[in-house]
Structures are given as structure tokens and as C-alpha cells.
Protein backbone atom coordinates (compact mmCIF):
# COMPACT_ATOMS: atom_id res chain seq x y z
CA ASN A 1 100.74 15.87 120.31
CA PHE A 2 102.93 13.97 117.47
CA TYR A 3 101.88 10.41 116.14
CA GLU A 4 104.64 8.23 115.35
CA PHE A 5 104.21 6.65 111.61
CA ALA A 6 105.59 3.20 111.41
CA SER A 7 107.84 3.13 108.35
CA ASN A 8 109.86 0.66 106.40
CA ALA A 9 112.61 3.02 105.49
CA ARG A 10 115.70 1.33 104.65
CA SER A 11 117.64 4.03 106.53
CA GLY A 12 115.85 3.36 109.72
CA GLN A 13 114.33 6.84 110.32
CA PHE A 14 111.41 7.73 111.86
CA PHE A 15 108.53 9.81 110.77
CA PHE A 16 106.14 11.67 112.92
CA TYR A 17 102.92 13.18 111.83
CA SER A 18 101.28 16.64 113.85
CA HIS A 19 98.16 15.71 115.69
CA ASP A 20 96.01 17.56 112.73
CA GLY A 21 98.26 15.75 110.10
CA ARG A 22 99.49 19.07 108.53
CA TYR A 23 103.28 18.70 109.39
CA MET A 24 105.20 15.49 109.19
CA ILE A 25 108.71 15.35 110.93
CA LYS A 26 111.57 12.74 109.66
CA THR A 27 114.51 12.03 111.33
CA LEU A 28 117.68 12.22 108.93
CA THR A 29 121.01 10.32 108.70
CA HIS A 30 123.97 12.98 108.67
CA THR A 31 124.51 11.94 104.95
CA GLU A 32 120.65 12.98 104.12
CA SER A 33 121.32 16.46 106.15
CA LYS A 34 124.34 16.81 104.53
CA PHE A 35 122.94 15.98 100.75
CA LEU A 36 119.65 18.30 101.62
CA ARG A 37 121.78 21.10 102.41
CA GLU A 38 123.77 20.89 99.28
CA ILE A 39 120.55 20.94 97.08
CA LEU A 40 118.95 23.61 98.93
CA PRO A 41 119.86 26.54 96.43
CA TYR A 42 118.36 24.34 93.75
CA TYR A 43 115.38 23.54 95.97
CA TYR A 44 114.60 26.81 96.54
CA ARG A 45 114.94 28.52 93.18
CA HIS A 46 112.53 25.63 92.15
CA LEU A 47 109.77 26.44 94.50
CA THR A 48 110.03 30.07 93.92
CA ARG A 49 109.41 29.31 90.36
CA CYS A 50 107.21 26.59 90.77
CA PRO A 51 104.82 27.19 93.98
CA SER A 52 102.42 24.65 92.95
CA THR A 53 104.88 21.88 92.73
CA PHE A 54 104.43 18.59 94.07
CA LEU A 55 107.93 18.32 95.69
CA THR A 56 107.65 18.40 99.51
CA HIS A 57 107.86 21.52 100.85
CA PHE A 58 110.59 21.61 103.76
CA TYR A 59 110.00 24.18 106.60
CA GLY A 60 113.02 23.57 108.39
CA MET A 61 115.96 21.42 109.01
CA TYR A 62 117.54 20.96 112.67
CA ARG A 63 120.08 19.10 114.66
CA VAL A 64 119.89 18.54 118.17
CA SER A 65 122.89 17.78 120.53
CA MET A 66 122.17 15.43 123.21
CA PRO A 67 124.63 15.80 126.10
CA ASN A 68 123.41 12.50 127.98
CA ALA A 69 124.32 10.51 124.91
CA ASN A 70 127.86 11.33 124.28
CA ASN A 71 126.66 14.33 122.60
CA GLN A 72 125.12 12.39 119.54
CA HIS A 73 123.51 14.58 117.08
CA LEU A 74 119.86 13.89 115.89
CA HIS A 75 119.07 15.43 112.54
CA PHE A 76 115.47 16.23 111.69
CA ILE A 77 113.60 18.00 108.94
CA ILE A 78 109.89 19.54 109.47
CA MET A 79 107.89 19.19 106.08
CA ARG A 80 104.34 19.71 104.72
CA SER A 81 102.51 16.37 104.75
CA VAL A 82 101.53 15.60 101.22
CA PHE A 83 98.44 13.78 102.62
CA HIS A 84 96.82 16.90 104.48
CA THR A 85 94.50 17.85 101.38
CA GLU A 86 91.15 18.19 100.56
CA LYS A 87 91.26 16.44 97.30
CA LYS A 88 90.64 12.69 97.37
CA ILE A 89 93.54 10.29 97.07
CA ASP A 90 93.01 7.37 95.14
CA ARG A 91 96.19 6.06 94.74
CA VAL A 92 99.72 6.11 97.10
CA TRP A 93 102.99 4.87 95.71
CA ASP A 94 106.13 4.43 98.05
CA LEU A 95 108.95 6.09 95.84
CA LYS A 96 112.31 5.59 96.93
CA GLY A 97 115.24 7.27 96.05
CA SER A 98 117.87 5.89 94.01
CA LYS A 99 122.07 6.47 93.97
CA THR A 100 122.39 5.08 90.49
CA GLY A 101 120.22 7.59 88.38
């Protein structure tokens, strides 16, 4: 079972949580998917050097072809939920990415 998380993402993408809250699935635009593939070597290097990083841990990125929808592709990523923790969370910020540095 997955639970949809209502999102106000500018990209219009969807978020889903696994039933136990440990994993999150996020749909991606083609541009987001391409960007993540470009930074993957740097991301992997950082995670191997700093395994306790607060960066999101990505477990897989997938593309599904939908033949009944003119072969459109759905891109999505599976990641560890940052909210699945035994630590008390006092504050939550919704940080957005920037294309201007």
C-alpha cells in the first residue's frame, strides 16, 4: 500500500509514501530525470565518503513505458524518507531548488 502525499510542487509531480513511511516515491519530469543522471557520479562519491549525510538517499530511478497512453514515459524515483526517524523533528522547511545559484 502507498499513500499519496499532497504536494504543492511547482513541477506538478506526485509524492507517495510506503505504508510504513520508510520510502518515498516521487514522479519526475524528463528534465529532472536527466539532471539526476548527470550528477549521479558526484552524488555517489559524496555518499560513499559521507554515509551519514543529510542528503536524500536515492535507491532507484525508473522509467515505465505506457503503451495504452501513446507510449508515454513515466519517470519516478524511490528514496529513503527523511521523516522516518526515531529522532524528534522540531521544525520542517520546504526548501526549493534554484536554477540561479
